[in-house]
């Protein structure tokens, strides 16, 4: 009996560790991850103590009745931002708490969520292009500029997807993607159009909005180290975007003047 309890404690700890790491990798702010992990632990009658860092999670699951505990250290995987997975994983913790799911059912539902097919890259390309073209119009760009920004975004985003898929360093990916997108947008300089707006908005698809927002939320809610790390990472990505754009501006500075 004691062996079964200890085995269940270990299995629950392993699951919560994997679950929490996946949520962090998908772009969830820290307090939400901790609340969800504690909620699942409470559903099984355990107390969960968790520390979240930028690269890994340290977790302890404690059986308050026997005072047995299990420790886990898990690396946070680099995953695409997925608001749908974030929402469904958070809802899963409530379902576990409210309906007292068994561990096997919980694992089955978790695997079903994370194995859902991702949005097709071509669809992401089109949406990113339309979003950037909309930003161009919002900032005063004309229709010619919007078309150029749309095309430049498709080119830069496609290159970003290909480089990311090959495992190239993401800082280098951001520099090259920003350079290529802005270089394509520099075609606007040849035409009588709002070229400055086209150049400026051609790289907006790269702005790391989720890390910036999560970093601020983490700091406000008291998770200073995680929030600061996220803000530093987002700032470095913004510097990479500015570097890629600067290379283009150095090439076309005479046309701008």
C-alpha atoms as a PDB file:
ATOM      1  CA  UNK A   1       0.000   0.000   0.000  1.00  0.00           C
ATOM      2  CA  UNK A   2       2.791   2.393   0.928  1.00  0.00           C
ATOM      3  CA  UNK A   3       4.604   1.502  -2.278  1.00  0.00           C
ATOM      4  CA  UNK A   4       1.512   2.318  -4.328  1.00  0.00           C
ATOM      5  CA  UNK A   5       1.127   5.695  -2.622  1.00  0.00           C
ATOM      6  CA  UNK A   6       4.765   6.525  -3.257  1.00  0.00           C
ATOM      7  CA  UNK A   7       4.476   5.456  -6.899  1.00  0.00           C
ATOM      8  CA  UNK A   8       1.370   7.613  -7.355  1.00  0.00           C
ATOM      9  CA  UNK A   9       3.168  10.563  -5.750  1.00  0.00           C
ATOM     10  CA  UNK A  10       6.043  10.119  -8.208  1.00  0.00           C
ATOM     11  CA  UNK A  11       3.717   9.821 -11.220  1.00  0.00           C
ATOM     12  CA  UNK A  12       1.708  12.900 -10.256  1.00  0.00           C
ATOM     13  CA  UNK A  13       4.919  14.861  -9.711  1.00  0.00           C
ATOM     14  CA  UNK A  14       6.282  13.836 -13.107  1.00  0.00           C
ATOM     15  CA  UNK A  15       3.044  14.796 -14.830  1.00  0.00           C
ATOM     16  CA  UNK A  16       2.722  18.202 -13.141  1.00  0.00           C
ATOM     17  CA  UNK A  17       6.348  18.951 -13.971  1.00  0.00           C
ATOM     18  CA  UNK A  18       5.842  18.122 -17.654  1.00  0.00           C
ATOM     19  CA  UNK A  19       2.517  19.982 -17.727  1.00  0.00           C
ATOM     20  CA  UNK A  20       3.981  23.130 -16.165  1.00  0.00           C
ATOM     21  CA  UNK A  21       7.025  23.137 -18.441  1.00  0.00           C
ATOM     22  CA  UNK A  22       4.810  22.815 -21.518  1.00  0.00           C
ATOM     23  CA  UNK A  23       2.627  25.730 -20.390  1.00  0.00           C
ATOM     24  CA  UNK A  24       5.683  27.924 -19.838  1.00  0.00           C
ATOM     25  CA  UNK A  25       7.041  26.954 -23.250  1.00  0.00           C
ATOM     26  CA  UNK A  26       3.747  27.948 -24.900  1.00  0.00           C
ATOM     27  CA  UNK A  27       3.919  31.466 -23.473  1.00  0.00           C
ATOM     28  CA  UNK A  28       1.867  31.441 -20.260  1.00  0.00           C
ATOM     29  CA  UNK A  29       2.675  33.977 -17.542  1.00  0.00           C
ATOM     30  CA  UNK A  30       4.186  32.475 -14.391  1.00  0.00           C
ATOM     31  CA  UNK A  31       1.343  32.927 -11.903  1.00  0.00           C
ATOM     32  CA  UNK A  32      -1.095  31.095 -14.171  1.00  0.00           C
ATOM     33  CA  UNK A  33       1.287  28.146 -14.483  1.00  0.00           C
ATOM     34  CA  UNK A  34       1.739  27.966 -10.715  1.00  0.00           C
ATOM     35  CA  UNK A  35      -2.003  28.200 -10.010  1.00  0.00           C
ATOM     36  CA  UNK A  36      -2.763  25.452 -12.539  1.00  0.00           C
ATOM     37  CA  UNK A  37      -0.032  23.173 -11.163  1.00  0.00           C
ATOM     38  CA  UNK A  38      -1.207  23.659  -7.576  1.00  0.00           C
ATOM     39  CA  UNK A  39      -4.817  23.030  -8.641  1.00  0.00           C
ATOM     40  CA  UNK A  40      -3.927  19.664 -10.197  1.00  0.00           C
ATOM     41  CA  UNK A  41      -1.882  18.699  -7.155  1.00  0.00           C
ATOM     42  CA  UNK A  42      -4.766  19.592  -4.849  1.00  0.00           C
ATOM     43  CA  UNK A  43      -7.121  17.457  -6.954  1.00  0.00           C
ATOM     44  CA  UNK A  44      -4.965  14.427  -6.061  1.00  0.00           C
ATOM     45  CA  UNK A  45      -4.597  15.449  -2.433  1.00  0.00           C
ATOM     46  CA  UNK A  46      -1.049  16.782  -2.697  1.00  0.00           C
ATOM     47  CA  UNK A  47       0.576  20.112  -1.986  1.00  0.00           C
ATOM     48  CA  UNK A  48       2.676  21.516  -4.822  1.00  0.00           C
ATOM     49  CA  UNK A  49       5.587  23.886  -4.306  1.00  0.00           C
ATOM     50  CA  UNK A  50       7.034  25.220  -7.541  1.00  0.00           C
ATOM     51  CA  UNK A  51       9.763  27.634  -8.589  1.00  0.00           C
ATOM     52  CA  UNK A  52       9.806  28.814 -12.206  1.00  0.00           C
ATOM     53  CA  UNK A  53      12.918  30.126 -13.925  1.00  0.00           C
ATOM     54  CA  UNK A  54      13.617  31.142 -17.499  1.00  0.00           C
ATOM     55  CA  UNK A  55      15.047  27.784 -18.569  1.00  0.00           C
ATOM     56  CA  UNK A  56      13.699  25.249 -16.074  1.00  0.00           C
ATOM     57  CA  UNK A  57      11.179  24.448 -13.364  1.00  0.00           C
ATOM     58  CA  UNK A  58      11.915  23.089  -9.880  1.00  0.00           C
ATOM     59  CA  UNK A  59       8.910  21.356  -8.366  1.00  0.00           C
ATOM     60  CA  UNK A  60       8.164  19.517  -5.126  1.00  0.00           C
ATOM     61  CA  UNK A  61       4.998  17.484  -4.569  1.00  0.00           C
ATOM     62  CA  UNK A  62       4.222  16.787  -0.902  1.00  0.00           C
ATOM     63  CA  UNK A  63       1.793  14.326   0.648  1.00  0.00           C
ATOM     64  CA  UNK A  64       0.686  16.257   3.747  1.00  0.00           C
ATOM     65  CA  UNK A  65      -0.592  13.101   5.462  1.00  0.00           C
ATOM     66  CA  UNK A  66       2.572  11.018   5.217  1.00  0.00           C
ATOM     67  CA  UNK A  67       4.997  13.944   4.721  1.00  0.00           C
ATOM     68  CA  UNK A  68       6.523  12.120   1.758  1.00  0.00           C
ATOM     69  CA  UNK A  69       7.690  14.307  -1.080  1.00  0.00           C
ATOM     70  CA  UNK A  70       8.946  14.021  -4.636  1.00  0.00           C
ATOM     71  CA  UNK A  71      11.216  16.523  -6.408  1.00  0.00           C
ATOM     72  CA  UNK A  72      11.419  17.258 -10.122  1.00  0.00           C
ATOM     73  CA  UNK A  73      13.666  19.527 -12.186  1.00  0.00           C
ATOM     74  CA  UNK A  74      12.443  19.971 -15.756  1.00  0.00           C
ATOM     75  CA  UNK A  75      13.769  22.013 -18.660  1.00  0.00           C
ATOM     76  CA  UNK A  76      11.287  24.356 -20.329  1.00  0.00           C
ATOM     77  CA  UNK A  77      11.019  23.406 -24.029  1.00  0.00           C
ATOM     78  CA  UNK A  78      11.150  26.005 -26.776  1.00  0.00           C
ATOM     79  CA  UNK A  79       7.657  25.854 -28.274  1.00  0.00           C
ATOM     80  CA  UNK A  80       5.648  28.092 -30.577  1.00  0.00           C
ATOM     81  CA  UNK A  81       3.324  30.519 -28.793  1.00  0.00           C
ATOM     82  CA  UNK A  82      -0.139  28.916 -28.698  1.00  0.00           C
ATOM     83  CA  UNK A  83      -3.025  30.731 -27.045  1.00  0.00           C
ATOM     84  CA  UNK A  84      -5.338  27.819 -27.837  1.00  0.00           C
ATOM     85  CA  UNK A  85      -3.126  25.314 -26.019  1.00  0.00           C
ATOM     86  CA  UNK A  86      -2.682  27.733 -23.125  1.00  0.00           C
ATOM     87  CA  UNK A  87      -6.432  28.077 -22.715  1.00  0.00           C
ATOM     88  CA  UNK A  88      -7.155  24.365 -23.026  1.00  0.00           C
ATOM     89  CA  UNK A  89      -4.370  23.347 -20.641  1.00  0.00           C
ATOM     90  CA  UNK A  90      -5.588  25.836 -18.061  1.00  0.00           C
ATOM     91  CA  UNK A  91      -9.146  24.532 -18.474  1.00  0.00           C
ATOM     92  CA  UNK A  92      -7.796  20.991 -18.005  1.00  0.00           C
ATOM     93  CA  UNK A  93      -6.588  21.877 -14.507  1.00  0.00           C
ATOM     94  CA  UNK A  94     -10.091  23.056 -13.591  1.00  0.00           C
ATOM     95  CA  UNK A  95     -11.629  19.916 -15.098  1.00  0.00           C
ATOM     96  CA  UNK A  96      -9.260  17.780 -13.039  1.00  0.00           C
ATOM     97  CA  UNK A  97     -10.124  19.689  -9.873  1.00  0.00           C
ATOM     98  CA  UNK A  98     -13.899  19.767 -10.415  1.00  0.00           C
ATOM     99  CA  UNK A  99     -14.422  16.251 -11.819  1.00  0.00           C
ATOM    100  CA  UNK A 100     -11.611  14.439  -9.931  1.00  0.00           C
ATOM    101  CA  UNK A 101     -10.121  12.893 -13.058  1.00  0.00           C
ATOM    102  CA  UNK A 102      -7.893   9.879 -12.662  1.00  0.00           C
ATOM    103  CA  UNK A 103      -4.238  10.264 -13.560  1.00  0.00           C
ATOM    104  CA  UNK A 104      -4.665   8.088 -16.672  1.00  0.00           C
ATOM    105  CA  UNK A 105      -7.604  10.190 -17.882  1.00  0.00           C
ATOM    106  CA  UNK A 106      -5.676  13.357 -17.149  1.00  0.00           C
ATOM    107  CA  UNK A 107      -2.674  12.142 -19.144  1.00  0.00           C
ATOM    108  CA  UNK A 108      -4.913  11.090 -22.027  1.00  0.00           C
ATOM    109  CA  UNK A 109      -6.604  14.498 -22.205  1.00  0.00           C
ATOM    110  CA  UNK A 110      -3.234  16.263 -21.894  1.00  0.00           C
ATOM    111  CA  UNK A 111      -1.724  14.256 -24.754  1.00  0.00           C
ATOM    112  CA  UNK A 112      -4.795  14.944 -26.877  1.00  0.00           C
ATOM    113  CA  UNK A 113      -4.362  18.698 -26.346  1.00  0.00           C
ATOM    114  CA  UNK A 114      -0.641  18.906 -27.087  1.00  0.00           C
ATOM    115  CA  UNK A 115      -0.934  16.642 -30.142  1.00  0.00           C
ATOM    116  CA  UNK A 116      -3.513  18.810 -31.839  1.00  0.00           C
ATOM    117  CA  UNK A 117      -2.243  19.909 -35.277  1.00  0.00           C
ATOM    118  CA  UNK A 118      -0.701  23.347 -35.327  1.00  0.00           C
ATOM    119  CA  UNK A 119      -1.897  26.118 -37.613  1.00  0.00           C
ATOM    120  CA  UNK A 120      -0.573  25.592 -41.127  1.00  0.00           C
ATOM    121  CA  UNK A 121       2.522  27.769 -41.793  1.00  0.00           C
ATOM    122  CA  UNK A 122       0.993  29.096 -45.025  1.00  0.00           C
ATOM    123  CA  UNK A 123      -2.051  30.340 -43.099  1.00  0.00           C
ATOM    124  CA  UNK A 124       0.273  32.036 -40.592  1.00  0.00           C
ATOM    125  CA  UNK A 125       2.115  33.690 -43.495  1.00  0.00           C
ATOM    126  CA  UNK A 126      -1.076  35.156 -44.932  1.00  0.00           C
ATOM    127  CA  UNK A 127      -2.337  36.407 -41.572  1.00  0.00           C
ATOM    128  CA  UNK A 128       1.026  37.956 -40.692  1.00  0.00           C
ATOM    129  CA  UNK A 129       1.133  39.703 -44.064  1.00  0.00           C
ATOM    130  CA  UNK A 130      -2.386  41.075 -43.653  1.00  0.00           C
ATOM    131  CA  UNK A 131      -1.641  42.212 -40.104  1.00  0.00           C
ATOM    132  CA  UNK A 132       1.503  44.063 -41.145  1.00  0.00           C
ATOM    133  CA  UNK A 133      -0.268  45.655 -44.117  1.00  0.00           C
ATOM    134  CA  UNK A 134      -3.001  46.797 -41.718  1.00  0.00           C
ATOM    135  CA  UNK A 135      -0.405  48.362 -39.441  1.00  0.00           C
ATOM    136  CA  UNK A 136       1.020  50.155 -42.467  1.00  0.00           C
ATOM    137  CA  UNK A 137      -2.408  51.603 -43.263  1.00  0.00           C
ATOM    138  CA  UNK A 138      -2.980  52.467 -39.584  1.00  0.00           C
ATOM    139  CA  UNK A 139       0.213  54.532 -39.527  1.00  0.00           C
ATOM    140  CA  UNK A 140      -0.754  56.421 -42.688  1.00  0.00           C
ATOM    141  CA  UNK A 141       0.591  54.224 -45.467  1.00  0.00           C
ATOM    142  CA  UNK A 142      -1.110  54.278 -48.843  1.00  0.00           C
ATOM    143  CA  UNK A 143      -2.321  51.271 -50.835  1.00  0.00           C
ATOM    144  CA  UNK A 144       0.957  50.853 -52.696  1.00  0.00           C
ATOM    145  CA  UNK A 145       2.839  50.731 -49.398  1.00  0.00           C
ATOM    146  CA  UNK A 146       0.364  48.236 -47.991  1.00  0.00           C
ATOM    147  CA  UNK A 147       0.929  45.909 -50.942  1.00  0.00           C
ATOM    148  CA  UNK A 148       4.701  46.217 -50.640  1.00  0.00           C
ATOM    149  CA  UNK A 149       4.593  45.582 -46.874  1.00  0.00           C
ATOM    150  CA  UNK A 150       2.359  42.557 -47.423  1.00  0.00           C
ATOM    151  CA  UNK A 151       4.857  41.065 -49.899  1.00  0.00           C
ATOM    152  CA  UNK A 152       7.874  41.947 -47.730  1.00  0.00           C
ATOM    153  CA  UNK A 153       6.249  40.328 -44.700  1.00  0.00           C
ATOM    154  CA  UNK A 154       5.535  37.137 -46.616  1.00  0.00           C
ATOM    155  CA  UNK A 155       9.173  36.942 -47.689  1.00  0.00           C
ATOM    156  CA  UNK A 156      10.617  37.693 -44.258  1.00  0.00           C
ATOM    157  CA  UNK A 157       8.181  35.432 -42.424  1.00  0.00           C
ATOM    158  CA  UNK A 158       8.799  32.538 -44.806  1.00  0.00           C
ATOM    159  CA  UNK A 159      12.542  32.897 -44.277  1.00  0.00           C
ATOM    160  CA  UNK A 160      12.003  33.009 -40.504  1.00  0.00           C
ATOM    161  CA  UNK A 161       9.968  29.801 -40.600  1.00  0.00           C
ATOM    162  CA  UNK A 162      12.596  28.006 -42.674  1.00  0.00           C
ATOM    163  CA  UNK A 163      15.516  29.130 -40.509  1.00  0.00           C
ATOM    164  CA  UNK A 164      13.686  28.291 -37.288  1.00  0.00           C
ATOM    165  CA  UNK A 165      12.866  24.827 -38.637  1.00  0.00           C
ATOM    166  CA  UNK A 166      16.575  24.223 -39.253  1.00  0.00           C
ATOM    167  CA  UNK A 167      17.404  25.090 -35.637  1.00  0.00           C
ATOM    168  CA  UNK A 168      19.381  28.273 -36.387  1.00  0.00           C
ATOM    169  CA  UNK A 169      19.986  30.587 -33.436  1.00  0.00           C
ATOM    170  CA  UNK A 170      16.854  32.689 -32.987  1.00  0.00           C
ATOM    171  CA  UNK A 171      18.791  35.944 -32.555  1.00  0.00           C
ATOM    172  CA  UNK A 172      20.390  35.426 -35.953  1.00  0.00           C
ATOM    173  CA  UNK A 173      16.975  34.478 -37.355  1.00  0.00           C
ATOM    174  CA  UNK A 174      15.536  37.806 -36.197  1.00  0.00           C
ATOM    175  CA  UNK A 175      18.424  39.843 -37.644  1.00  0.00           C
ATOM    176  CA  UNK A 176      18.240  38.143 -41.054  1.00  0.00           C
ATOM    177  CA  UNK A 177      14.435  38.200 -41.192  1.00  0.00           C
ATOM    178  CA  UNK A 178      14.306  41.900 -40.322  1.00  0.00           C
ATOM    179  CA  UNK A 179      16.967  42.682 -42.918  1.00  0.00           C
ATOM    180  CA  UNK A 180      15.271  40.730 -45.701  1.00  0.00           C
ATOM    181  CA  UNK A 181      11.772  42.086 -44.958  1.00  0.00           C
ATOM    182  CA  UNK A 182      12.950  45.691 -44.775  1.00  0.00           C
ATOM    183  CA  UNK A 183      15.113  45.269 -47.892  1.00  0.00           C
ATOM    184  CA  UNK A 184      12.065  44.015 -49.808  1.00  0.00           C
ATOM    185  CA  UNK A 185      10.042  46.942 -48.455  1.00  0.00           C
ATOM    186  CA  UNK A 186      12.711  49.366 -49.704  1.00  0.00           C
ATOM    187  CA  UNK A 187      11.207  48.872 -53.179  1.00  0.00           C
ATOM    188  CA  UNK A 188       8.769  51.556 -52.026  1.00  0.00           C
ATOM    189  CA  UNK A 189      11.597  54.083 -52.418  1.00  0.00           C
ATOM    190  CA  UNK A 190      11.422  53.647 -56.189  1.00  0.00           C
ATOM    191  CA  UNK A 191       7.739  54.510 -56.267  1.00  0.00           C
ATOM    192  CA  UNK A 192       6.023  57.721 -55.281  1.00  0.00           C
ATOM    193  CA  UNK A 193       4.590  56.254 -52.110  1.00  0.00           C
ATOM    194  CA  UNK A 194       4.910  56.428 -48.308  1.00  0.00           C
ATOM    195  CA  UNK A 195       8.240  54.612 -48.315  1.00  0.00           C
ATOM    196  CA  UNK A 196       9.276  55.539 -44.753  1.00  0.00           C
ATOM    197  CA  UNK A 197       6.111  54.001 -43.333  1.00  0.00           C
ATOM    198  CA  UNK A 198       6.565  50.901 -45.490  1.00  0.00           C
ATOM    199  CA  UNK A 199      10.111  50.398 -44.204  1.00  0.00           C
ATOM    200  CA  UNK A 200       9.151  50.962 -40.579  1.00  0.00           C
ATOM    201  CA  UNK A 201       6.153  48.620 -40.586  1.00  0.00           C
ATOM    202  CA  UNK A 202       7.744  45.826 -42.616  1.00  0.00           C
ATOM    203  CA  UNK A 203       9.428  44.384 -39.501  1.00  0.00           C
ATOM    204  CA  UNK A 204       6.548  44.698 -37.033  1.00  0.00           C
ATOM    205  CA  UNK A 205       5.651  41.015 -37.418  1.00  0.00           C
ATOM    206  CA  UNK A 206       8.843  40.218 -35.492  1.00  0.00           C
ATOM    207  CA  UNK A 207       8.040  42.301 -32.385  1.00  0.00           C
ATOM    208  CA  UNK A 208       8.031  39.882 -29.387  1.00  0.00           C
ATOM    209  CA  UNK A 209       4.734  41.018 -27.896  1.00  0.00           C
ATOM    210  CA  UNK A 210       4.017  37.932 -25.753  1.00  0.00           C
ATOM    211  CA  UNK A 211       7.387  37.929 -23.887  1.00  0.00           C
ATOM    212  CA  UNK A 212       7.036  41.668 -23.283  1.00  0.00           C
ATOM    213  CA  UNK A 213       3.522  41.341 -21.880  1.00  0.00           C
ATOM    214  CA  UNK A 214       4.353  38.252 -19.814  1.00  0.00           C
ATOM    215  CA  UNK A 215       7.480  39.926 -18.451  1.00  0.00           C
ATOM    216  CA  UNK A 216       5.484  42.906 -17.214  1.00  0.00           C
ATOM    217  CA  UNK A 217       2.764  40.652 -15.745  1.00  0.00           C
ATOM    218  CA  UNK A 218       5.361  38.519 -13.933  1.00  0.00           C
ATOM    219  CA  UNK A 219       7.055  41.561 -12.389  1.00  0.00           C
ATOM    220  CA  UNK A 220       3.732  43.104 -11.315  1.00  0.00           C
ATOM    221  CA  UNK A 221       2.683  39.816  -9.701  1.00  0.00           C
ATOM    222  CA  UNK A 222       5.981  39.450  -7.838  1.00  0.00           C
ATOM    223  CA  UNK A 223       7.907  36.971  -9.991  1.00  0.00           C
ATOM    224  CA  UNK A 224      10.762  39.406 -10.500  1.00  0.00           C
ATOM    225  CA  UNK A 225      13.489  37.057 -11.747  1.00  0.00           C
ATOM    226  CA  UNK A 226      11.298  35.349 -14.367  1.00  0.00           C
ATOM    227  CA  UNK A 227       9.748  38.629 -15.488  1.00  0.00           C
ATOM    228  CA  UNK A 228      13.102  40.372 -15.747  1.00  0.00           C
ATOM    229  CA  UNK A 229      14.557  37.443 -17.725  1.00  0.00           C
ATOM    230  CA  UNK A 230      11.647  37.607 -20.159  1.00  0.00           C
ATOM    231  CA  UNK A 231      12.023  41.347 -20.608  1.00  0.00           C
ATOM    232  CA  UNK A 232      15.755  40.986 -21.212  1.00  0.00           C
ATOM    233  CA  UNK A 233      15.150  38.295 -23.829  1.00  0.00           C
ATOM    234  CA  UNK A 234      12.475  40.421 -25.528  1.00  0.00           C
ATOM    235  CA  UNK A 235      14.795  43.450 -25.469  1.00  0.00           C
ATOM    236  CA  UNK A 236      17.557  41.442 -27.148  1.00  0.00           C
ATOM    237  CA  UNK A 237      15.127  40.386 -29.873  1.00  0.00           C
ATOM    238  CA  UNK A 238      14.112  44.021 -30.402  1.00  0.00           C
ATOM    239  CA  UNK A 239      17.797  44.934 -30.723  1.00  0.00           C
ATOM    240  CA  UNK A 240      18.154  42.175 -33.347  1.00  0.00           C
ATOM    241  CA  UNK A 241      15.190  43.617 -35.268  1.00  0.00           C
ATOM    242  CA  UNK A 242      16.750  47.081 -35.117  1.00  0.00           C
ATOM    243  CA  UNK A 243      20.082  45.650 -36.304  1.00  0.00           C
ATOM    244  CA  UNK A 244      18.532  43.990 -39.358  1.00  0.00           C
ATOM    245  CA  UNK A 245      16.592  47.153 -40.196  1.00  0.00           C
ATOM    246  CA  UNK A 246      19.745  49.250 -39.763  1.00  0.00           C
ATOM    247  CA  UNK A 247      21.576  47.177 -42.367  1.00  0.00           C
ATOM    248  CA  UNK A 248      18.851  48.010 -44.870  1.00  0.00           C
ATOM    249  CA  UNK A 249      18.903  51.700 -43.947  1.00  0.00           C
ATOM    250  CA  UNK A 250      22.663  51.791 -44.494  1.00  0.00           C
ATOM    251  CA  UNK A 251      22.157  50.379 -47.981  1.00  0.00           C
ATOM    252  CA  UNK A 252      19.358  52.765 -49.000  1.00  0.00           C
ATOM    253  CA  UNK A 253      20.291  55.861 -46.998  1.00  0.00           C
ATOM    254  CA  UNK A 254      21.018  57.875 -50.143  1.00  0.00           C
ATOM    255  CA  UNK A 255      17.515  57.195 -51.451  1.00  0.00           C
ATOM    256  CA  UNK A 256      16.005  58.227 -48.130  1.00  0.00           C
ATOM    257  CA  UNK A 257      17.914  61.497 -48.146  1.00  0.00           C
END
